[in-house]
Amino acid sequence: MDQALDLRAEEADKRKAHDVAVVVITPKGIYPDEDDFRRVAETTVIAEVLKAAADKLKITNTSDWIAKVDGRRIDPSKTFKNEKLSCIAEIEYHKHEGGGGA
């Protein structure tokens, strides 16, 4: 009987959301700040964190901005878990870099 209870508790722990430590790096500054990360559940939608960063850093228009982690573009409408972001996520958030040329 005790083994069955232990197995159920172990399965519940596996399903429990894990936290992700997040920092958002923008041309205007770093959110939450240079010395800290924000902890969020892996089930949090990325756009919520990006909006919080824009609000705190007083960025008024991010409609043409993109988000990247380790050079990979991520979809802000998805959760951290959907984008396979865990433990620590350093999000670069800025305008799309256009190709220059001479």
PDB file of N, CA and C in Angstrom:
ATOM      1  N   MET A   1       0.813  -1.186   0.000  1.00  0.00           N
ATOM      2  CA  MET A   1       0.000   0.000   0.000  1.00  0.00           C
ATOM      3  C   MET A   1       0.861   1.256   0.000  1.00  0.00           C
ATOM      4  N   ASP A   2       1.903   1.258   0.827  1.00  0.00           N
ATOM      5  CA  ASP A   2       2.784   2.420   0.884  1.00  0.00           C
ATOM      6  C   ASP A   2       3.479   2.662  -0.448  1.00  0.00           C
ATOM      7  N   GLN A   3       3.831   1.584  -1.156  1.00  0.00           N
ATOM      8  CA  GLN A   3       4.480   1.728  -2.452  1.00  0.00           C
ATOM      9  C   GLN A   3       3.557   2.421  -3.442  1.00  0.00           C
ATOM     10  N   ALA A   4       2.276   2.090  -3.424  1.00  0.00           N
ATOM     11  CA  ALA A   4       1.318   2.708  -4.335  1.00  0.00           C
ATOM     12  C   ALA A   4       1.212   4.204  -4.059  1.00  0.00           C
ATOM     13  N   LEU A   5       1.191   4.584  -2.792  1.00  0.00           N
ATOM     14  CA  LEU A   5       1.138   6.006  -2.445  1.00  0.00           C
ATOM     15  C   LEU A   5       2.403   6.728  -2.883  1.00  0.00           C
ATOM     16  N   ASP A   6       3.552   6.080  -2.698  1.00  0.00           N
ATOM     17  CA  ASP A   6       4.820   6.674  -3.119  1.00  0.00           C
ATOM     18  C   ASP A   6       4.858   6.887  -4.628  1.00  0.00           C
ATOM     19  N   LEU A   7       4.330   5.927  -5.398  1.00  0.00           N
ATOM     20  CA  LEU A   7       4.305   6.051  -6.853  1.00  0.00           C
ATOM     21  C   LEU A   7       3.409   7.202  -7.285  1.00  0.00           C
ATOM     22  N   ARG A   8       2.250   7.346  -6.658  1.00  0.00           N
ATOM     23  CA  ARG A   8       1.344   8.449  -7.002  1.00  0.00           C
ATOM     24  C   ARG A   8       1.984   9.797  -6.677  1.00  0.00           C
ATOM     25  N   ALA A   9       2.644   9.898  -5.559  1.00  0.00           N
ATOM     26  CA  ALA A   9       3.313  11.148  -5.179  1.00  0.00           C
ATOM     27  C   ALA A   9       4.432  11.474  -6.170  1.00  0.00           C
ATOM     28  N   GLU A  10       5.166  10.453  -6.599  1.00  0.00           N
ATOM     29  CA  GLU A  10       6.246  10.657  -7.559  1.00  0.00           C
ATOM     30  C   GLU A  10       5.687  11.126  -8.902  1.00  0.00           C
ATOM     31  N   GLU A  11       4.584  10.542  -9.356  1.00  0.00           N
ATOM     32  CA  GLU A  11       3.955  10.955 -10.614  1.00  0.00           C
ATOM     33  C   GLU A  11       3.451  12.395 -10.517  1.00  0.00           C
ATOM     34  N   ALA A  12       2.883  12.782  -9.380  1.00  0.00           N
ATOM     35  CA  ALA A  12       2.391  14.149  -9.187  1.00  0.00           C
ATOM     36  C   ALA A  12       3.545  15.140  -9.263  1.00  0.00           C
ATOM     37  N   ASP A  13       4.699  14.794  -8.692  1.00  0.00           N
ATOM     38  CA  ASP A  13       5.869  15.671  -8.751  1.00  0.00           C
ATOM     39  C   ASP A  13       6.344  15.867 -10.182  1.00  0.00           C
ATOM     40  N   LYS A  14       6.284  14.819 -11.005  1.00  0.00           N
ATOM     41  CA  LYS A  14       6.712  14.918 -12.396  1.00  0.00           C
ATOM     42  C   LYS A  14       5.813  15.849 -13.179  1.00  0.00           C
ATOM     43  N   ARG A  15       4.516  15.862 -12.842  1.00  0.00           N
ATOM     44  CA  ARG A  15       3.551  16.701 -13.545  1.00  0.00           C
ATOM     45  C   ARG A  15       3.556  18.139 -13.039  1.00  0.00           C
ATOM     46  N   LYS A  16       4.105  18.358 -11.865  1.00  0.00           N
ATOM     47  CA  LYS A  16       4.129  19.695 -11.280  1.00  0.00           C
ATOM     48  C   LYS A  16       5.010  20.605 -12.139  1.00  0.00           C
ATOM     49  N   ALA A  17       4.540  21.839 -12.317  1.00  0.00           N
ATOM     50  CA  ALA A  17       5.299  22.796 -13.124  1.00  0.00           C
ATOM     51  C   ALA A  17       6.600  23.167 -12.420  1.00  0.00           C
ATOM     52  N   HIS A  18       7.634  23.293 -13.193  1.00  0.00           N
ATOM     53  CA  HIS A  18       8.934  23.695 -12.675  1.00  0.00           C
ATOM     54  C   HIS A  18       9.132  25.178 -12.962  1.00  0.00           C
ATOM     55  N   ASP A  19       9.964  25.820 -12.173  1.00  0.00           N
ATOM     56  CA  ASP A  19      10.264  27.223 -12.382  1.00  0.00           C
ATOM     57  C   ASP A  19      11.377  27.394 -13.408  1.00  0.00           C
ATOM     58  N   VAL A  20      11.325  28.540 -14.085  1.00  0.00           N
ATOM     59  CA  VAL A  20      12.365  28.931 -15.019  1.00  0.00           C
ATOM     60  C   VAL A  20      12.878  30.288 -14.547  1.00  0.00           C
ATOM     61  N   ALA A  21      14.173  30.465 -14.490  1.00  0.00           N
ATOM     62  CA  ALA A  21      14.767  31.758 -14.157  1.00  0.00           C
ATOM     63  C   ALA A  21      14.943  32.515 -15.470  1.00  0.00           C
ATOM     64  N   VAL A  22      14.326  33.704 -15.550  1.00  0.00           N
ATOM     65  CA  VAL A  22      14.275  34.439 -16.812  1.00  0.00           C
ATOM     66  C   VAL A  22      14.903  35.820 -16.662  1.00  0.00           C
ATOM     67  N   VAL A  23      15.639  36.213 -17.673  1.00  0.00           N
ATOM     68  CA  VAL A  23      16.114  37.585 -17.797  1.00  0.00           C
ATOM     69  C   VAL A  23      15.822  38.010 -19.242  1.00  0.00           C
ATOM     70  N   VAL A  24      15.360  39.254 -19.406  1.00  0.00           N
ATOM     71  CA  VAL A  24      15.068  39.779 -20.734  1.00  0.00           C
ATOM     72  C   VAL A  24      16.067  40.901 -21.017  1.00  0.00           C
ATOM     73  N   ILE A  25      16.803  40.761 -22.115  1.00  0.00           N
ATOM     74  CA  ILE A  25      17.829  41.722 -22.497  1.00  0.00           C
ATOM     75  C   ILE A  25      17.313  42.518 -23.694  1.00  0.00           C
ATOM     76  N   THR A  26      17.178  43.829 -23.512  1.00  0.00           N
ATOM     77  CA  THR A  26      16.666  44.704 -24.560  1.00  0.00           C
ATOM     78  C   THR A  26      17.693  45.808 -24.833  1.00  0.00           C
ATOM     79  N   PRO A  27      17.521  46.548 -25.934  1.00  0.00           N
ATOM     80  CA  PRO A  27      18.419  47.679 -26.184  1.00  0.00           C
ATOM     81  C   PRO A  27      18.285  48.776 -25.113  1.00  0.00           C
ATOM     82  N   LYS A  28      17.167  48.797 -24.404  1.00  0.00           N
ATOM     83  CA  LYS A  28      16.913  49.832 -23.411  1.00  0.00           C
ATOM     84  C   LYS A  28      17.311  49.420 -21.998  1.00  0.00           C
ATOM     85  N   GLY A  29      17.614  48.153 -21.780  1.00  0.00           N
ATOM     86  CA  GLY A  29      18.002  47.706 -20.458  1.00  0.00           C
ATOM     87  C   GLY A  29      17.711  46.233 -20.245  1.00  0.00           C
ATOM     88  N   ILE A  30      17.898  45.802 -19.015  1.00  0.00           N
ATOM     89  CA  ILE A  30      17.726  44.396 -18.650  1.00  0.00           C
ATOM     90  C   ILE A  30      16.605  44.279 -17.631  1.00  0.00           C
ATOM     91  N   TYR A  31      15.752  43.283 -17.808  1.00  0.00           N
ATOM     92  CA  TYR A  31      14.644  43.014 -16.890  1.00  0.00           C
ATOM     93  C   TYR A  31      14.842  41.644 -16.268  1.00  0.00           C
ATOM     94  N   PRO A  32      14.661  41.489 -14.960  1.00  0.00           N
ATOM     95  CA  PRO A  32      14.209  42.494 -14.002  1.00  0.00           C
ATOM     96  C   PRO A  32      15.287  43.516 -13.667  1.00  0.00           C
ATOM     97  N   ASP A  33      16.553  43.143 -13.606  1.00  0.00           N
ATOM     98  CA  ASP A  33      17.665  44.091 -13.490  1.00  0.00           C
ATOM     99  C   ASP A  33      18.963  43.330 -13.740  1.00  0.00           C
ATOM    100  N   GLU A  34      20.061  44.019 -13.687  1.00  0.00           N
ATOM    101  CA  GLU A  34      21.350  43.405 -14.038  1.00  0.00           C
ATOM    102  C   GLU A  34      21.813  42.338 -13.058  1.00  0.00           C
ATOM    103  N   ASP A  35      21.274  42.344 -11.846  1.00  0.00           N
ATOM    104  CA  ASP A  35      21.743  41.426 -10.809  1.00  0.00           C
ATOM    105  C   ASP A  35      20.760  40.309 -10.463  1.00  0.00           C
ATOM    106  N   ASP A  36      19.658  40.209 -11.184  1.00  0.00           N
ATOM    107  CA  ASP A  36      18.619  39.280 -10.761  1.00  0.00           C
ATOM    108  C   ASP A  36      17.933  38.623 -11.955  1.00  0.00           C
ATOM    109  N   PHE A  37      17.307  37.497 -11.684  1.00  0.00           N
ATOM    110  CA  PHE A  37      16.464  36.805 -12.651  1.00  0.00           C
ATOM    111  C   PHE A  37      15.052  36.784 -12.087  1.00  0.00           C
ATOM    112  N   ARG A  38      14.061  36.682 -12.940  1.00  0.00           N
ATOM    113  CA  ARG A  38      12.688  36.524 -12.489  1.00  0.00           C
ATOM    114  C   ARG A  38      12.338  35.048 -12.592  1.00  0.00           C
ATOM    115  N   ARG A  39      11.746  34.498 -11.533  1.00  0.00           N
ATOM    116  CA  ARG A  39      11.340  33.100 -11.550  1.00  0.00           C
ATOM    117  C   ARG A  39       9.878  33.018 -11.957  1.00  0.00           C
ATOM    118  N   VAL A  40       9.606  32.190 -12.964  1.00  0.00           N
ATOM    119  CA  VAL A  40       8.240  31.971 -13.438  1.00  0.00           C
ATOM    120  C   VAL A  40       8.022  30.475 -13.628  1.00  0.00           C
ATOM    121  N   ALA A  41       6.772  30.074 -13.590  1.00  0.00           N
ATOM    122  CA  ALA A  41       6.430  28.674 -13.861  1.00  0.00           C
ATOM    123  C   ALA A  41       6.666  28.389 -15.336  1.00  0.00           C
ATOM    124  N   GLU A  42       7.058  27.171 -15.638  1.00  0.00           N
ATOM    125  CA  GLU A  42       7.305  26.801 -17.042  1.00  0.00           C
ATOM    126  C   GLU A  42       6.030  26.876 -17.876  1.00  0.00           C
ATOM    127  N   THR A  43       4.881  26.947 -17.214  1.00  0.00           N
ATOM    128  CA  THR A  43       3.600  27.048 -17.911  1.00  0.00           C
ATOM    129  C   THR A  43       3.213  28.497 -18.213  1.00  0.00           C
ATOM    130  N   THR A  44       4.073  29.435 -17.867  1.00  0.00           N
ATOM    131  CA  THR A  44       3.819  30.855 -18.137  1.00  0.00           C
ATOM    132  C   THR A  44       4.003  31.140 -19.623  1.00  0.00           C
ATOM    133  N   VAL A  45       3.102  31.937 -20.178  1.00  0.00           N
ATOM    134  CA  VAL A  45       3.223  32.357 -21.573  1.00  0.00           C
ATOM    135  C   VAL A  45       4.346  33.394 -21.651  1.00  0.00           C
ATOM    136  N   ILE A  46       5.258  33.215 -22.577  1.00  0.00           N
ATOM    137  CA  ILE A  46       6.446  34.068 -22.703  1.00  0.00           C
ATOM    138  C   ILE A  46       6.060  35.534 -22.881  1.00  0.00           C
ATOM    139  N   ALA A  47       4.992  35.806 -23.624  1.00  0.00           N
ATOM    140  CA  ALA A  47       4.554  37.184 -23.868  1.00  0.00           C
ATOM    141  C   ALA A  47       4.268  37.932 -22.577  1.00  0.00           C
ATOM    142  N   GLU A  48       3.830  37.238 -21.529  1.00  0.00           N
ATOM    143  CA  GLU A  48       3.552  37.892 -20.252  1.00  0.00           C
ATOM    144  C   GLU A  48       4.839  38.487 -19.666  1.00  0.00           C
ATOM    145  N   VAL A  49       5.921  37.752 -19.751  1.00  0.00           N
ATOM    146  CA  VAL A  49       7.205  38.226 -19.224  1.00  0.00           C
ATOM    147  C   VAL A  49       7.738  39.359 -20.100  1.00  0.00           C
ATOM    148  N   LEU A  50       7.583  39.232 -21.423  1.00  0.00           N
ATOM    149  CA  LEU A  50       8.054  40.286 -22.317  1.00  0.00           C
ATOM    150  C   LEU A  50       7.283  41.587 -22.093  1.00  0.00           C
ATOM    151  N   LYS A  51       5.981  41.481 -21.828  1.00  0.00           N
ATOM    152  CA  LYS A  51       5.176  42.672 -21.539  1.00  0.00           C
ATOM    153  C   LYS A  51       5.625  43.314 -20.232  1.00  0.00           C
ATOM    154  N   ALA A  52       5.885  42.500 -19.223  1.00  0.00           N
ATOM    155  CA  ALA A  52       6.359  43.027 -17.940  1.00  0.00           C
ATOM    156  C   ALA A  52       7.692  43.761 -18.125  1.00  0.00           C
ATOM    157  N   ALA A  53       8.561  43.204 -18.968  1.00  0.00           N
ATOM    158  CA  ALA A  53       9.848  43.841 -19.241  1.00  0.00           C
ATOM    159  C   ALA A  53       9.638  45.180 -19.948  1.00  0.00           C
ATOM    160  N   ALA A  54       8.775  45.191 -20.962  1.00  0.00           N
ATOM    161  CA  ALA A  54       8.508  46.434 -21.699  1.00  0.00           C
ATOM    162  C   ALA A  54       7.912  47.491 -20.780  1.00  0.00           C
ATOM    163  N   ASP A  55       6.997  47.082 -19.914  1.00  0.00           N
ATOM    164  CA  ASP A  55       6.379  48.029 -18.978  1.00  0.00           C
ATOM    165  C   ASP A  55       7.423  48.619 -18.033  1.00  0.00           C
ATOM    166  N   LYS A  56       8.239  47.767 -17.431  1.00  0.00           N
ATOM    167  CA  LYS A  56       9.231  48.244 -16.464  1.00  0.00           C
ATOM    168  C   LYS A  56      10.274  49.143 -17.115  1.00  0.00           C
ATOM    169  N   LEU A  57      10.671  48.789 -18.335  1.00  0.00           N
ATOM    170  CA  LEU A  57      11.708  49.557 -19.029  1.00  0.00           C
ATOM    171  C   LEU A  57      11.128  50.714 -19.845  1.00  0.00           C
ATOM    172  N   LYS A  58       9.798  50.894 -19.746  1.00  0.00           N
ATOM    173  CA  LYS A  58       9.098  51.983 -20.442  1.00  0.00           C
ATOM    174  C   LYS A  58       9.317  51.942 -21.956  1.00  0.00           C
ATOM    175  N   ILE A  59       9.195  50.742 -22.511  1.00  0.00           N
ATOM    176  CA  ILE A  59       9.276  50.557 -23.960  1.00  0.00           C
ATOM    177  C   ILE A  59       7.834  50.572 -24.467  1.00  0.00           C
ATOM    178  N   THR A  60       7.516  51.523 -25.339  1.00  0.00           N
ATOM    179  CA  THR A  60       6.116  51.713 -25.718  1.00  0.00           C
ATOM    180  C   THR A  60       5.655  50.908 -26.924  1.00  0.00           C
ATOM    181  N   ASN A  61       6.542  50.582 -27.845  1.00  0.00           N
ATOM    182  CA  ASN A  61       6.105  49.867 -29.039  1.00  0.00           C
ATOM    183  C   ASN A  61       7.046  48.697 -29.330  1.00  0.00           C
ATOM    184  N   THR A  62       6.558  47.493 -29.111  1.00  0.00           N
ATOM    185  CA  THR A  62       7.341  46.292 -29.402  1.00  0.00           C
ATOM    186  C   THR A  62       6.681  45.444 -30.486  1.00  0.00           C
ATOM    187  N   SER A  63       5.785  46.050 -31.257  1.00  0.00           N
ATOM    188  CA  SER A  63       5.016  45.282 -32.240  1.00  0.00           C
ATOM    189  C   SER A  63       5.888  44.616 -33.302  1.00  0.00           C
ATOM    190  N   ASP A  64       7.048  45.201 -33.609  1.00  0.00           N
ATOM    191  CA  ASP A  64       7.913  44.601 -34.622  1.00  0.00           C
ATOM    192  C   ASP A  64       9.170  43.976 -34.009  1.00  0.00           C
ATOM    193  N   TRP A  65       9.107  43.654 -32.713  1.00  0.00           N
ATOM    194  CA  TRP A  65      10.249  43.064 -32.023  1.00  0.00           C
ATOM    195  C   TRP A  65      10.174  41.541 -32.078  1.00  0.00           C
ATOM    196  N   ILE A  66      11.327  40.909 -31.968  1.00  0.00           N
ATOM    197  CA  ILE A  66      11.407  39.450 -31.922  1.00  0.00           C
ATOM    198  C   ILE A  66      12.122  39.028 -30.640  1.00  0.00           C
ATOM    199  N   ALA A  67      11.891  37.800 -30.248  1.00  0.00           N
ATOM    200  CA  ALA A  67      12.535  37.238 -29.055  1.00  0.00           C
ATOM    201  C   ALA A  67      13.381  36.045 -29.487  1.00  0.00           C
ATOM    202  N   LYS A  68      14.608  35.981 -28.937  1.00  0.00           N
ATOM    203  CA  LYS A  68      15.517  34.878 -29.244  1.00  0.00           C
ATOM    204  C   LYS A  68      16.165  34.370 -27.963  1.00  0.00           C
ATOM    205  N   VAL A  69      16.417  33.077 -27.939  1.00  0.00           N
ATOM    206  CA  VAL A  69      17.196  32.456 -26.870  1.00  0.00           C
ATOM    207  C   VAL A  69      18.285  31.639 -27.553  1.00  0.00           C
ATOM    208  N   ASP A  70      19.529  31.906 -27.205  1.00  0.00           N
ATOM    209  CA  ASP A  70      20.682  31.221 -27.816  1.00  0.00           C
ATOM    210  C   ASP A  70      20.641  31.278 -29.339  1.00  0.00           C
ATOM    211  N   GLY A  71      20.235  32.431 -29.881  1.00  0.00           N
ATOM    212  CA  GLY A  71      20.188  32.615 -31.324  1.00  0.00           C
ATOM    213  C   GLY A  71      18.986  32.007 -32.011  1.00  0.00           C
ATOM    214  N   ARG A  72      18.142  31.320 -31.264  1.00  0.00           N
ATOM    215  CA  ARG A  72      16.947  30.680 -31.836  1.00  0.00           C
ATOM    216  C   ARG A  72      15.728  31.549 -31.564  1.00  0.00           C
ATOM    217  N   ARG A  73      14.994  31.867 -32.611  1.00  0.00           N
ATOM    218  CA  ARG A  73      13.785  32.670 -32.450  1.00  0.00           C
ATOM    219  C   ARG A  73      12.724  31.841 -31.727  1.00  0.00           C
ATOM    220  N   ILE A  74      12.074  32.471 -30.743  1.00  0.00           N
ATOM    221  CA  ILE A  74      11.032  31.779 -29.995  1.00  0.00           C
ATOM    222  C   ILE A  74       9.691  32.468 -30.231  1.00  0.00           C
ATOM    223  N   ASP A  75       8.620  31.734 -30.010  1.00  0.00           N
ATOM    224  CA  ASP A  75       7.264  32.241 -30.203  1.00  0.00           C
ATOM    225  C   ASP A  75       6.711  32.722 -28.862  1.00  0.00           C
ATOM    226  N   PRO A  76       6.548  34.042 -28.682  1.00  0.00           N
ATOM    227  CA  PRO A  76       6.072  34.572 -27.406  1.00  0.00           C
ATOM    228  C   PRO A  76       4.663  34.117 -27.016  1.00  0.00           C
ATOM    229  N   SER A  77       3.891  33.626 -27.974  1.00  0.00           N
ATOM    230  CA  SER A  77       2.537  33.173 -27.648  1.00  0.00           C
ATOM    231  C   SER A  77       2.525  31.786 -27.005  1.00  0.00           C
ATOM    232  N   LYS A  78       3.692  31.149 -26.959  1.00  0.00           N
ATOM    233  CA  LYS A  78       3.809  29.821 -26.351  1.00  0.00           C
ATOM    234  C   LYS A  78       4.346  29.934 -24.929  1.00  0.00           C
ATOM    235  N   THR A  79       4.262  28.836 -24.194  1.00  0.00           N
ATOM    236  CA  THR A  79       4.800  28.799 -22.833  1.00  0.00           C
ATOM    237  C   THR A  79       6.289  28.454 -22.887  1.00  0.00           C
ATOM    238  N   PHE A  80       6.953  28.666 -21.761  1.00  0.00           N
ATOM    239  CA  PHE A  80       8.366  28.295 -21.678  1.00  0.00           C
ATOM    240  C   PHE A  80       8.530  26.802 -21.931  1.00  0.00           C
ATOM    241  N   LYS A  81       7.601  26.012 -21.414  1.00  0.00           N
ATOM    242  CA  LYS A  81       7.668  24.557 -21.604  1.00  0.00           C
ATOM    243  C   LYS A  81       7.497  24.199 -23.078  1.00  0.00           C
ATOM    244  N   ASN A  82       6.521  24.845 -23.761  1.00  0.00           N
ATOM    245  CA  ASN A  82       6.307  24.579 -25.187  1.00  0.00           C
ATOM    246  C   ASN A  82       7.542  24.888 -26.021  1.00  0.00           C
ATOM    247  N   GLU A  83       8.278  25.917 -25.612  1.00  0.00           N
ATOM    248  CA  GLU A  83       9.489  26.315 -26.339  1.00  0.00           C
ATOM    249  C   GLU A  83      10.736  25.579 -25.839  1.00  0.00           C
ATOM    250  N   LYS A  84      10.510  24.624 -24.938  1.00  0.00           N
ATOM    251  CA  LYS A  84      11.599  23.803 -24.379  1.00  0.00           C
ATOM    252  C   LYS A  84      12.665  24.660 -23.685  1.00  0.00           C
ATOM    253  N   LEU A  85      12.188  25.663 -22.927  1.00  0.00           N
ATOM    254  CA  LEU A  85      13.068  26.519 -22.145  1.00  0.00           C
ATOM    255  C   LEU A  85      12.928  26.128 -20.687  1.00  0.00           C
ATOM    256  N   SER A  86      14.028  25.765 -20.072  1.00  0.00           N
ATOM    257  CA  SER A  86      13.987  25.342 -18.673  1.00  0.00           C
ATOM    258  C   SER A  86      15.216  25.878 -17.952  1.00  0.00           C
ATOM    259  N   CYS A  87      15.195  25.778 -16.654  1.00  0.00           N
ATOM    260  CA  CYS A  87      16.284  26.242 -15.787  1.00  0.00           C
ATOM    261  C   CYS A  87      16.495  27.745 -15.924  1.00  0.00           C
ATOM    262  N   ILE A  88      17.338  28.163 -16.867  1.00  0.00           N
ATOM    263  CA  ILE A  88      17.637  29.580 -17.062  1.00  0.00           C
ATOM    264  C   ILE A  88      17.373  29.944 -18.522  1.00  0.00           C
ATOM    265  N   ALA A  89      16.620  31.024 -18.725  1.00  0.00           N
ATOM    266  CA  ALA A  89      16.341  31.496 -20.080  1.00  0.00           C
ATOM    267  C   ALA A  89      16.751  32.956 -20.191  1.00  0.00           C
ATOM    268  N   GLU A  90      17.738  33.237 -21.029  1.00  0.00           N
ATOM    269  CA  GLU A  90      18.160  34.600 -21.307  1.00  0.00           C
ATOM    270  C   GLU A  90      17.557  34.988 -22.653  1.00  0.00           C
ATOM    271  N   ILE A  91      16.526  35.820 -22.588  1.00  0.00           N
ATOM    272  CA  ILE A  91      15.794  36.200 -23.798  1.00  0.00           C
ATOM    273  C   ILE A  91      16.329  37.521 -24.335  1.00  0.00           C
ATOM    274  N   GLU A  92      16.773  37.515 -25.580  1.00  0.00           N
ATOM    275  CA  GLU A  92      17.154  38.739 -26.275  1.00  0.00           C
ATOM    276  C   GLU A  92      15.892  39.241 -26.963  1.00  0.00           C
ATOM    277  N   TYR A  93      15.511  40.472 -26.669  1.00  0.00           N
ATOM    278  CA  TYR A  93      14.249  41.024 -27.174  1.00  0.00           C
ATOM    279  C   TYR A  93      14.534  42.373 -27.821  1.00  0.00           C
ATOM    280  N   HIS A  94      14.346  42.434 -29.155  1.00  0.00           N
ATOM    281  CA  HIS A  94      14.684  43.645 -29.899  1.00  0.00           C
ATOM    282  C   HIS A  94      14.045  43.597 -31.277  1.00  0.00           C
ATOM    283  N   LYS A  95      14.230  44.682 -32.023  1.00  0.00           N
ATOM    284  CA  LYS A  95      13.731  44.715 -33.388  1.00  0.00           C
ATOM    285  C   LYS A  95      14.476  43.685 -34.230  1.00  0.00           C
ATOM    286  N   HIS A  96      13.799  43.203 -35.253  1.00  0.00           N
ATOM    287  CA  HIS A  96      14.437  42.284 -36.196  1.00  0.00           C
ATOM    288  C   HIS A  96      15.594  43.011 -36.870  1.00  0.00           C
ATOM    289  N   GLU A  97      16.729  42.367 -36.907  1.00  0.00           N
ATOM    290  CA  GLU A  97      17.910  42.971 -37.525  1.00  0.00           C
ATOM    291  C   GLU A  97      17.841  42.793 -39.029  1.00  0.00           C
ATOM    292  N   GLY A  98      17.788  43.893 -39.712  1.00  0.00           N
ATOM    293  CA  GLY A  98      17.730  43.844 -41.173  1.00  0.00           C
ATOM    294  C   GLY A  98      19.110  43.630 -41.745  1.00  0.00           C
ATOM    295  N   GLY A  99      19.129  43.115 -42.925  1.00  0.00           N
ATOM    296  CA  GLY A  99      20.409  42.920 -43.602  1.00  0.00           C
ATOM    297  C   GLY A  99      20.885  44.226 -44.206  1.00  0.00           C
ATOM    298  N   GLY A 100      22.002  44.668 -43.806  1.00  0.00           N
ATOM    299  CA  GLY A 100      22.567  45.898 -44.362  1.00  0.00           C
ATOM    300  C   GLY A 100      23.255  45.600 -45.674  1.00  0.00           C
ATOM    301  N   GLY A 101      24.036  46.462 -46.104  1.00  0.00           N
ATOM    302  CA  GLY A 101      24.751  46.226 -47.343  1.00  0.00           C
ATOM    303  C   GLY A 101      25.394  47.501 -47.832  1.00  0.00           C
ATOM    304  N   ALA A 102      26.310  47.318 -48.723  1.00  0.00           N
ATOM    305  CA  ALA A 102      26.994  48.499 -49.250  1.00  0.00           C
ATOM    306  C   ALA A 102      26.479  48.821 -50.612  1.00  0.00           C
TER     307      ALA A 102
END
